[in-house]
Amino acid sequence: YFFSAVRALMRLLDAPNTPSPSLRYEI
C-alpha cells in the first residue's frame, strides 16, 4: 500500500499541466 501510494504520487508529479499535490508520505 505504501509504495503504491508513493508511485501514484510520483505519476501525479510527473504529469504535465497538473498542479503539484502537497501531500507527501512517511513510513
PDB file of all heavy atoms in Angstrom:
ATOM      1  N   TYR A   1       0.828  -1.213   0.000  1.00  0.00           N
ATOM      2  CA  TYR A   1       0.000   0.000   0.000  1.00  0.00           C
ATOM      3  C   TYR A   1       0.858   1.257   0.000  1.00  0.00           C
ATOM      4  O   TYR A   1       0.578   2.215  -0.721  1.00  0.00           O
ATOM      5  CB  TYR A   1      -0.913   0.039   1.232  1.00  0.00           C
ATOM      6  CG  TYR A   1      -2.012  -0.979   1.247  1.00  0.00           C
ATOM      7  CD1 TYR A   1      -2.407  -1.580   2.438  1.00  0.00           C
ATOM      8  CD2 TYR A   1      -2.689  -1.341   0.083  1.00  0.00           C
ATOM      9  CE1 TYR A   1      -3.438  -2.501   2.472  1.00  0.00           C
ATOM     10  CE2 TYR A   1      -3.714  -2.269   0.111  1.00  0.00           C
ATOM     11  CZ  TYR A   1      -4.084  -2.849   1.306  1.00  0.00           C
ATOM     12  OH  TYR A   1      -5.097  -3.759   1.347  1.00  0.00           O
ATOM     13  N   PHE A   2       1.906   1.270   0.815  1.00  0.00           N
ATOM     14  CA  PHE A   2       2.770   2.437   0.906  1.00  0.00           C
ATOM     15  C   PHE A   2       3.421   2.745  -0.443  1.00  0.00           C
ATOM     16  O   PHE A   2       3.346   3.865  -0.942  1.00  0.00           O
ATOM     17  CB  PHE A   2       3.851   2.220   1.976  1.00  0.00           C
ATOM     18  CG  PHE A   2       4.887   3.299   2.010  1.00  0.00           C
ATOM     19  CD1 PHE A   2       4.590   4.554   2.511  1.00  0.00           C
ATOM     20  CD2 PHE A   2       6.171   3.070   1.539  1.00  0.00           C
ATOM     21  CE1 PHE A   2       5.539   5.563   2.541  1.00  0.00           C
ATOM     22  CE2 PHE A   2       7.126   4.058   1.565  1.00  0.00           C
ATOM     23  CZ  PHE A   2       6.814   5.309   2.070  1.00  0.00           C
ATOM     24  N   PHE A   3       4.048   1.753  -1.049  1.00  0.00           N
ATOM     25  CA  PHE A   3       4.736   2.008  -2.310  1.00  0.00           C
ATOM     26  C   PHE A   3       3.768   2.243  -3.456  1.00  0.00           C
ATOM     27  O   PHE A   3       4.080   2.963  -4.398  1.00  0.00           O
ATOM     28  CB  PHE A   3       5.738   0.896  -2.614  1.00  0.00           C
ATOM     29  CG  PHE A   3       6.970   1.018  -1.774  1.00  0.00           C
ATOM     30  CD1 PHE A   3       7.233   0.119  -0.763  1.00  0.00           C
ATOM     31  CD2 PHE A   3       7.846   2.079  -1.959  1.00  0.00           C
ATOM     32  CE1 PHE A   3       8.358   0.256   0.031  1.00  0.00           C
ATOM     33  CE2 PHE A   3       8.977   2.228  -1.174  1.00  0.00           C
ATOM     34  CZ  PHE A   3       9.233   1.310  -0.177  1.00  0.00           C
ATOM     35  N   SER A   4       2.594   1.690  -3.386  1.00  0.00           N
ATOM     36  CA  SER A   4       1.567   2.002  -4.386  1.00  0.00           C
ATOM     37  C   SER A   4       1.170   3.472  -4.287  1.00  0.00           C
ATOM     38  O   SER A   4       1.028   4.159  -5.300  1.00  0.00           O
ATOM     39  CB  SER A   4       0.356   1.095  -4.175  1.00  0.00           C
ATOM     40  OG  SER A   4      -0.667   1.426  -5.069  1.00  0.00           O
ATOM     41  N   ALA A   5       0.991   3.966  -3.066  1.00  0.00           N
ATOM     42  CA  ALA A   5       0.646   5.378  -2.867  1.00  0.00           C
ATOM     43  C   ALA A   5       1.775   6.286  -3.326  1.00  0.00           C
ATOM     44  O   ALA A   5       1.541   7.315  -3.972  1.00  0.00           O
ATOM     45  CB  ALA A   5       0.318   5.627  -1.399  1.00  0.00           C
ATOM     46  N   VAL A   6       3.013   5.905  -3.025  1.00  0.00           N
ATOM     47  CA  VAL A   6       4.165   6.703  -3.445  1.00  0.00           C
ATOM     48  C   VAL A   6       4.253   6.745  -4.965  1.00  0.00           C
ATOM     49  O   VAL A   6       4.476   7.808  -5.559  1.00  0.00           O
ATOM     50  CB  VAL A   6       5.471   6.162  -2.822  1.00  0.00           C
ATOM     51  CG1 VAL A   6       6.695   6.797  -3.464  1.00  0.00           C
ATOM     52  CG2 VAL A   6       5.464   6.389  -1.320  1.00  0.00           C
ATOM     53  N   ARG A   7       4.061   5.614  -5.614  1.00  0.00           N
ATOM     54  CA  ARG A   7       4.110   5.593  -7.088  1.00  0.00           C
ATOM     55  C   ARG A   7       2.977   6.413  -7.703  1.00  0.00           C
ATOM     56  O   ARG A   7       3.168   7.087  -8.711  1.00  0.00           O
ATOM     57  CB  ARG A   7       4.073   4.162  -7.596  1.00  0.00           C
ATOM     58  CG  ARG A   7       5.411   3.485  -7.447  1.00  0.00           C
ATOM     59  CD  ARG A   7       5.449   2.181  -8.177  1.00  0.00           C
ATOM     60  NE  ARG A   7       6.813   1.677  -8.178  1.00  0.00           N
ATOM     61  CZ  ARG A   7       7.114   0.413  -8.266  1.00  0.00           C
ATOM     62  NH1 ARG A   7       6.151  -0.495  -8.349  1.00  0.00           N
ATOM     63  NH2 ARG A   7       8.365   0.023  -8.272  1.00  0.00           N
ATOM     64  N   ALA A   8       1.805   6.364  -7.106  1.00  0.00           N
ATOM     65  CA  ALA A   8       0.695   7.189  -7.613  1.00  0.00           C
ATOM     66  C   ALA A   8       1.047   8.673  -7.479  1.00  0.00           C
ATOM     67  O   ALA A   8       0.773   9.461  -8.392  1.00  0.00           O
ATOM     68  CB  ALA A   8      -0.589   6.871  -6.857  1.00  0.00           C
ATOM     69  N   LEU A   9       1.659   9.047  -6.379  1.00  0.00           N
ATOM     70  CA  LEU A   9       2.097  10.436  -6.204  1.00  0.00           C
ATOM     71  C   LEU A   9       3.162  10.802  -7.233  1.00  0.00           C
ATOM     72  O   LEU A   9       3.125  11.893  -7.809  1.00  0.00           O
ATOM     73  CB  LEU A   9       2.634  10.648  -4.787  1.00  0.00           C
ATOM     74  CG  LEU A   9       3.204  12.033  -4.481  1.00  0.00           C
ATOM     75  CD1 LEU A   9       2.152  13.119  -4.688  1.00  0.00           C
ATOM     76  CD2 LEU A   9       3.763  12.072  -3.070  1.00  0.00           C
ATOM     77  N   MET A  10       4.077   9.901  -7.494  1.00  0.00           N
ATOM     78  CA  MET A  10       5.126  10.156  -8.490  1.00  0.00           C
ATOM     79  C   MET A  10       4.515  10.372  -9.873  1.00  0.00           C
ATOM     80  O   MET A  10       4.958  11.255 -10.625  1.00  0.00           O
ATOM     81  CB  MET A  10       6.129   8.999  -8.516  1.00  0.00           C
ATOM     82  CG  MET A  10       6.968   8.922  -7.259  1.00  0.00           C
ATOM     83  SD  MET A  10       7.965   7.413  -7.134  1.00  0.00           S
ATOM     84  CE  MET A  10       9.151   7.677  -8.440  1.00  0.00           C
ATOM     85  N   ARG A  11       3.490   9.603 -10.218  1.00  0.00           N
ATOM     86  CA  ARG A  11       2.821   9.785 -11.519  1.00  0.00           C
ATOM     87  C   ARG A  11       2.146  11.157 -11.584  1.00  0.00           C
ATOM     88  O   ARG A  11       2.187  11.827 -12.605  1.00  0.00           O
ATOM     89  CB  ARG A  11       1.807   8.669 -11.757  1.00  0.00           C
ATOM     90  CG  ARG A  11       2.446   7.355 -12.158  1.00  0.00           C
ATOM     91  CD  ARG A  11       1.421   6.340 -12.650  1.00  0.00           C
ATOM     92  NE  ARG A  11       0.428   5.989 -11.646  1.00  0.00           N
ATOM     93  CZ  ARG A  11       0.586   5.037 -10.733  1.00  0.00           C
ATOM     94  NH1 ARG A  11       1.690   4.342 -10.687  1.00  0.00           N
ATOM     95  NH2 ARG A  11      -0.371   4.779  -9.866  1.00  0.00           N
ATOM     96  N   LEU A  12       1.529  11.568 -10.472  1.00  0.00           N
ATOM     97  CA  LEU A  12       0.905  12.899 -10.438  1.00  0.00           C
ATOM     98  C   LEU A  12       1.939  13.997 -10.601  1.00  0.00           C
ATOM     99  O   LEU A  12       1.710  14.987 -11.305  1.00  0.00           O
ATOM    100  CB  LEU A  12       0.166  13.101  -9.113  1.00  0.00           C
ATOM    101  CG  LEU A  12      -1.239  12.565  -9.014  1.00  0.00           C
ATOM    102  CD1 LEU A  12      -1.758  12.744  -7.585  1.00  0.00           C
ATOM    103  CD2 LEU A  12      -2.155  13.259  -9.989  1.00  0.00           C
ATOM    104  N   LEU A  13       3.067  13.843  -9.941  1.00  0.00           N
ATOM    105  CA  LEU A  13       4.118  14.858 -10.025  1.00  0.00           C
ATOM    106  C   LEU A  13       4.735  14.931 -11.410  1.00  0.00           C
ATOM    107  O   LEU A  13       5.194  15.992 -11.830  1.00  0.00           O
ATOM    108  CB  LEU A  13       5.205  14.582  -8.980  1.00  0.00           C
ATOM    109  CG  LEU A  13       4.781  14.747  -7.522  1.00  0.00           C
ATOM    110  CD1 LEU A  13       5.861  14.222  -6.593  1.00  0.00           C
ATOM    111  CD2 LEU A  13       4.450  16.199  -7.224  1.00  0.00           C
ATOM    112  N   ASP A  14       4.749  13.803 -12.138  1.00  0.00           N
ATOM    113  CA  ASP A  14       5.325  13.770 -13.483  1.00  0.00           C
ATOM    114  C   ASP A  14       4.339  14.184 -14.568  1.00  0.00           C
ATOM    115  O   ASP A  14       4.744  14.451 -15.700  1.00  0.00           O
ATOM    116  CB  ASP A  14       5.843  12.368 -13.808  1.00  0.00           C
ATOM    117  CG  ASP A  14       7.095  12.029 -13.019  1.00  0.00           C
ATOM    118  OD1 ASP A  14       7.758  12.963 -12.516  1.00  0.00           O
ATOM    119  OD2 ASP A  14       7.417  10.824 -12.901  1.00  0.00           O
ATOM    120  N   ALA A  15       3.059  14.229 -14.240  1.00  0.00           N
ATOM    121  CA  ALA A  15       2.040  14.550 -15.241  1.00  0.00           C
ATOM    122  C   ALA A  15       2.135  16.028 -15.634  1.00  0.00           C
ATOM    123  O   ALA A  15       2.199  16.905 -14.771  1.00  0.00           O
ATOM    124  CB  ALA A  15       0.656  14.242 -14.706  1.00  0.00           C
ATOM    125  N   PRO A  16       2.144  16.303 -16.930  1.00  0.00           N
ATOM    126  CA  PRO A  16       2.189  17.704 -17.369  1.00  0.00           C
ATOM    127  C   PRO A  16       0.865  18.414 -17.072  1.00  0.00           C
ATOM    128  O   PRO A  16      -0.200  17.803 -17.058  1.00  0.00           O
ATOM    129  CB  PRO A  16       2.436  17.598 -18.873  1.00  0.00           C
ATOM    130  CG  PRO A  16       1.956  16.245 -19.253  1.00  0.00           C
ATOM    131  CD  PRO A  16       2.108  15.374 -18.040  1.00  0.00           C
ATOM    132  N   ASN A  17       0.963  19.686 -16.832  1.00  0.00           N
ATOM    133  CA  ASN A  17      -0.210  20.541 -16.589  1.00  0.00           C
ATOM    134  C   ASN A  17      -1.055  20.097 -15.401  1.00  0.00           C
ATOM    135  O   ASN A  17      -2.259  20.322 -15.382  1.00  0.00           O
ATOM    136  CB  ASN A  17      -1.090  20.616 -17.841  1.00  0.00           C
ATOM    137  CG  ASN A  17      -0.320  21.140 -19.029  1.00  0.00           C
ATOM    138  OD1 ASN A  17       0.503  22.037 -18.882  1.00  0.00           O
ATOM    139  ND2 ASN A  17      -0.564  20.573 -20.196  1.00  0.00           N
ATOM    140  N   THR A  18      -0.426  19.437 -14.441  1.00  0.00           N
ATOM    141  CA  THR A  18      -1.129  19.018 -13.235  1.00  0.00           C
ATOM    142  C   THR A  18      -0.524  19.772 -12.056  1.00  0.00           C
ATOM    143  O   THR A  18       0.694  19.779 -11.897  1.00  0.00           O
ATOM    144  CB  THR A  18      -0.968  17.501 -13.006  1.00  0.00           C
ATOM    145  OG1 THR A  18      -1.440  16.805 -14.152  1.00  0.00           O
ATOM    146  CG2 THR A  18      -1.734  17.041 -11.788  1.00  0.00           C
ATOM    147  N   PRO A  19      -1.369  20.417 -11.266  1.00  0.00           N
ATOM    148  CA  PRO A  19      -0.799  21.116 -10.101  1.00  0.00           C
ATOM    149  C   PRO A  19      -0.122  20.122  -9.161  1.00  0.00           C
ATOM    150  O   PRO A  19      -0.612  19.014  -8.964  1.00  0.00           O
ATOM    151  CB  PRO A  19      -1.995  21.783  -9.439  1.00  0.00           C
ATOM    152  CG  PRO A  19      -3.206  21.214 -10.077  1.00  0.00           C
ATOM    153  CD  PRO A  19      -2.809  20.530 -11.344  1.00  0.00           C
ATOM    154  N   SER A  20       0.983  20.515  -8.597  1.00  0.00           N
ATOM    155  CA  SER A  20       1.743  19.646  -7.707  1.00  0.00           C
ATOM    156  C   SER A  20       0.990  19.449  -6.392  1.00  0.00           C
ATOM    157  O   SER A  20       0.705  20.417  -5.688  1.00  0.00           O
ATOM    158  CB  SER A  20       3.112  20.262  -7.430  1.00  0.00           C
ATOM    159  OG  SER A  20       3.842  19.431  -6.591  1.00  0.00           O
ATOM    160  N   PRO A  21       0.654  18.208  -6.062  1.00  0.00           N
ATOM    161  CA  PRO A  21      -0.032  17.972  -4.789  1.00  0.00           C
ATOM    162  C   PRO A  21       0.903  18.238  -3.620  1.00  0.00           C
ATOM    163  O   PRO A  21       2.112  18.027  -3.708  1.00  0.00           O
ATOM    164  CB  PRO A  21      -0.429  16.498  -4.865  1.00  0.00           C
ATOM    165  CG  PRO A  21       0.460  15.893  -5.888  1.00  0.00           C
ATOM    166  CD  PRO A  21       0.891  16.985  -6.808  1.00  0.00           C
ATOM    167  N   SER A  22       0.355  18.707  -2.530  1.00  0.00           N
ATOM    168  CA  SER A  22       1.180  18.999  -1.355  1.00  0.00           C
ATOM    169  C   SER A  22       1.326  17.779  -0.446  1.00  0.00           C
ATOM    170  O   SER A  22       2.144  17.782   0.455  1.00  0.00           O
ATOM    171  CB  SER A  22       0.577  20.162  -0.567  1.00  0.00           C
ATOM    172  OG  SER A  22      -0.741  19.863  -0.186  1.00  0.00           O
ATOM    173  N   LEU A  23       0.557  16.749  -0.683  1.00  0.00           N
ATOM    174  CA  LEU A  23       0.590  15.537   0.126  1.00  0.00           C
ATOM    175  C   LEU A  23       1.909  14.796  -0.069  1.00  0.00           C
ATOM    176  O   LEU A  23       2.397  14.659  -1.191  1.00  0.00           O
ATOM    177  CB  LEU A  23      -0.575  14.618  -0.263  1.00  0.00           C
ATOM    178  CG  LEU A  23      -0.707  13.315   0.500  1.00  0.00           C
ATOM    179  CD1 LEU A  23      -1.056  13.602   1.955  1.00  0.00           C
ATOM    180  CD2 LEU A  23      -1.754  12.436  -0.136  1.00  0.00           C
ATOM    181  N   ARG A  24       2.485  14.333   1.026  1.00  0.00           N
ATOM    182  CA  ARG A  24       3.698  13.518   0.993  1.00  0.00           C
ATOM    183  C   ARG A  24       3.494  12.325   1.917  1.00  0.00           C
ATOM    184  O   ARG A  24       2.533  12.256   2.667  1.00  0.00           O
ATOM    185  CB  ARG A  24       4.916  14.329   1.441  1.00  0.00           C
ATOM    186  CG  ARG A  24       5.290  15.458   0.485  1.00  0.00           C
ATOM    187  CD  ARG A  24       5.741  14.907  -0.869  1.00  0.00           C
ATOM    188  NE  ARG A  24       6.173  15.951  -1.782  1.00  0.00           N
ATOM    189  CZ  ARG A  24       5.422  16.467  -2.733  1.00  0.00           C
ATOM    190  NH1 ARG A  24       4.169  16.074  -2.887  1.00  0.00           N
ATOM    191  NH2 ARG A  24       5.892  17.380  -3.553  1.00  0.00           N
ATOM    192  N   TYR A  25       4.433  11.381   1.862  1.00  0.00           N
ATOM    193  CA  TYR A  25       4.294  10.142   2.628  1.00  0.00           C
ATOM    194  C   TYR A  25       5.481   9.909   3.547  1.00  0.00           C
ATOM    195  O   TYR A  25       6.596  10.355   3.273  1.00  0.00           O
ATOM    196  CB  TYR A  25       4.148   8.946   1.676  1.00  0.00           C
ATOM    197  CG  TYR A  25       2.835   8.969   0.951  1.00  0.00           C
ATOM    198  CD1 TYR A  25       2.741   9.472  -0.334  1.00  0.00           C
ATOM    199  CD2 TYR A  25       1.679   8.517   1.564  1.00  0.00           C
ATOM    200  CE1 TYR A  25       1.521   9.516  -0.993  1.00  0.00           C
ATOM    201  CE2 TYR A  25       0.464   8.555   0.918  1.00  0.00           C
ATOM    202  CZ  TYR A  25       0.390   9.055  -0.355  1.00  0.00           C
ATOM    203  OH  TYR A  25      -0.814   9.101  -1.004  1.00  0.00           O
ATOM    204  N   GLU A  26       5.202   9.180   4.632  1.00  0.00           N
ATOM    205  CA  GLU A  26       6.246   8.746   5.537  1.00  0.00           C
ATOM    206  C   GLU A  26       5.905   7.346   6.021  1.00  0.00           C
ATOM    207  O   GLU A  26       4.743   6.950   6.041  1.00  0.00           O
ATOM    208  CB  GLU A  26       6.425   9.704   6.717  1.00  0.00           C
ATOM    209  CG  GLU A  26       5.209   9.894   7.591  1.00  0.00           C
ATOM    210  CD  GLU A  26       5.386  11.026   8.597  1.00  0.00           C
ATOM    211  OE1 GLU A  26       6.243  11.906   8.395  1.00  0.00           O
ATOM    212  OE2 GLU A  26       4.643  11.017   9.597  1.00  0.00           O
ATOM    213  N   ILE A  27       6.959   6.612   6.369  1.00  0.00           N
ATOM    214  CA  ILE A  27       6.781   5.249   6.854  1.00  0.00           C
ATOM    215  C   ILE A  27       7.751   5.006   8.001  1.00  0.00           C
ATOM    216  O   ILE A  27       8.868   5.524   8.003  1.00  0.00           O
ATOM    217  CB  ILE A  27       6.982   4.200   5.730  1.00  0.00           C
ATOM    218  CG1 ILE A  27       6.578   2.800   6.203  1.00  0.00           C
ATOM    219  CG2 ILE A  27       8.387   4.231   5.174  1.00  0.00           C
ATOM    220  CD1 ILE A  27       6.465   1.775   5.086  1.00  0.00           C
TER     221      ILE A  27
END
